[in-house]
Protein backbone atom coordinates (compact mmCIF):
# COMPACT_ATOMS: atom_id res chain seq x y z
CA UNK A 1 -1.22 22.25 -17.72
CA UNK A 2 -0.21 22.06 -14.80
CA UNK A 3 -1.31 20.56 -11.00
CA UNK A 4 -4.47 18.92 -9.82
CA UNK A 5 -5.65 16.94 -7.16
CA UNK A 6 -5.86 13.45 -8.19
CA UNK A 7 -9.77 13.50 -7.06
CA UNK A 8 -10.40 15.39 -10.41
CA UNK A 9 -9.05 12.61 -12.15
CA UNK A 10 -9.35 9.11 -10.52
CA UNK A 11 -11.43 7.73 -7.70
CA UNK A 12 -10.23 5.18 -4.88
CA UNK A 13 -11.17 2.80 -2.68
CA UNK A 14 -9.72 1.03 0.62
CA UNK A 15 -9.07 -2.02 2.37
CA UNK A 16 -8.30 -3.41 5.46
CA UNK A 17 -6.24 -6.85 7.28
CA UNK A 18 -4.91 -5.58 10.34
CA UNK A 19 -2.46 -3.44 10.17
CA UNK A 20 -2.02 -3.45 6.10
CA UNK A 21 -4.01 -0.88 3.52
CA UNK A 22 -4.70 -1.47 0.24
CA UNK A 23 -5.49 0.87 -1.73
CA UNK A 24 -7.05 1.04 -5.64
CA UNK A 25 -6.76 4.09 -7.68
CA UNK A 26 -8.59 4.09 -10.83
CA UNK A 27 -8.70 6.86 -13.47
CA UNK A 28 -12.34 8.47 -14.95
CA UNK A 29 -10.47 8.23 -17.97
CA UNK A 30 -8.68 5.27 -18.96
CA UNK A 31 -6.16 8.32 -20.79
CA UNK A 32 -5.17 9.45 -17.38
CA UNK A 33 -3.98 6.28 -17.23
CA UNK A 34 -0.12 6.85 -18.07
CA UNK A 35 -0.11 10.67 -16.23
CA UNK A 36 -1.23 8.81 -13.08
CA UNK A 37 1.55 5.69 -13.70
CA UNK A 38 4.49 8.25 -13.90
CA UNK A 39 3.25 10.04 -11.00
CA UNK A 40 1.49 8.21 -8.39
CA UNK A 41 4.66 6.21 -7.30
CA UNK A 42 5.29 4.25 -4.28
CA UNK A 43 7.46 6.50 -3.07
CA UNK A 44 5.66 9.87 -3.38
CA UNK A 45 2.56 7.87 -1.75
CA UNK A 46 4.12 7.27 1.00
CA UNK A 47 5.95 10.69 0.86
CA UNK A 48 2.57 11.59 0.21
CA UNK A 49 1.70 9.73 4.02
CA UNK A 50 4.72 11.00 6.07
CA UNK A 51 4.13 9.99 9.63
CA UNK A 52 1.00 8.34 9.25
CA UNK A 53 2.75 5.50 7.66
CA UNK A 54 5.31 3.31 9.45
CA UNK A 55 6.34 0.63 6.63
CA UNK A 56 6.87 0.16 2.82
CA UNK A 57 4.19 0.66 0.29
CA UNK A 58 3.72 -1.53 -3.03
CA UNK A 59 2.26 -0.21 -5.49
CA UNK A 60 1.00 -3.20 -8.45
CA UNK A 61 0.41 -2.12 -12.22
CA UNK A 62 -3.15 -3.25 -13.16
CA UNK A 63 -2.45 -2.41 -16.81
CA UNK A 64 -5.55 -4.82 -18.16
CA UNK A 65 -8.09 -2.30 -16.67
CA UNK A 66 -6.42 0.40 -15.64
CA UNK A 67 -6.17 0.86 -12.30
CA UNK A 68 -3.42 0.63 -9.61
CA UNK A 69 -3.26 -1.18 -6.43
CA UNK A 70 -0.86 0.26 -3.72
CA UNK A 71 -0.32 -1.58 -0.44
CA UNK A 72 0.51 0.29 2.71
CA UNK A 73 2.48 -1.55 5.49
CA UNK A 74 2.30 -0.66 9.48
CA UNK A 75 -0.73 2.17 8.17
CA UNK A 76 -2.76 1.75 10.73
CA UNK A 77 -1.83 1.79 14.49
CA UNK A 78 -2.45 -1.75 14.58
CA UNK A 79 -5.45 -2.53 13.36
CA UNK A 80 -8.67 -2.52 13.78
CA UNK A 81 -8.33 -4.11 17.00
CA UNK A 82 -5.75 -1.86 18.94
CA UNK A 83 -5.21 1.17 17.07
CA UNK A 84 -6.86 4.08 18.91
CA UNK A 85 -7.13 5.83 16.11
CA UNK A 86 -11.08 7.81 14.92
CA UNK A 87 -10.27 5.90 11.71
CA UNK A 88 -9.56 2.01 12.34
CA UNK A 89 -10.65 0.68 9.64
CA UNK A 90 -8.21 3.42 7.76
CA UNK A 91 -11.66 3.96 5.02
CA UNK A 92 -10.56 7.54 5.69
CA UNK A 93 -7.08 7.23 4.05
CA UNK A 94 -8.32 6.96 0.07
CA UNK A 95 -9.01 10.62 0.45
CA UNK A 96 -6.61 11.39 2.01
CA UNK A 97 -4.81 9.55 -1.39
CA UNK A 98 -6.82 11.50 -3.30
CA UNK A 99 -5.44 14.93 -1.84
CA UNK A 100 -1.92 14.54 -3.48
CA UNK A 101 -1.29 16.66 -6.47
CA UNK A 102 -0.10 15.80 -9.72
CA UNK A 103 1.46 16.97 -13.19
CA UNK A 104 -1.20 16.89 -15.97
């Protein structure tokens, strides 16, 4: 069919602890879970975040609820108490993930 932004088929939530960010990715429709599983790999997420992310990315598949949790290490320039970033909590980074394109 073609490329679409993740935001068209999924939504995301994020949270942080220190310099670790987690982003949950949930498809609007369960039928799109397989598309996400094939296209949104830890490697692609790391590439997508580029220089904003200094550490690794781990993806946890939550097959029973058709969702994913991505844990991004060294993602917040030291965390809330140390970072000079505009968004120290990384809340807007879930929107950056939703800007990724996937093939459907």
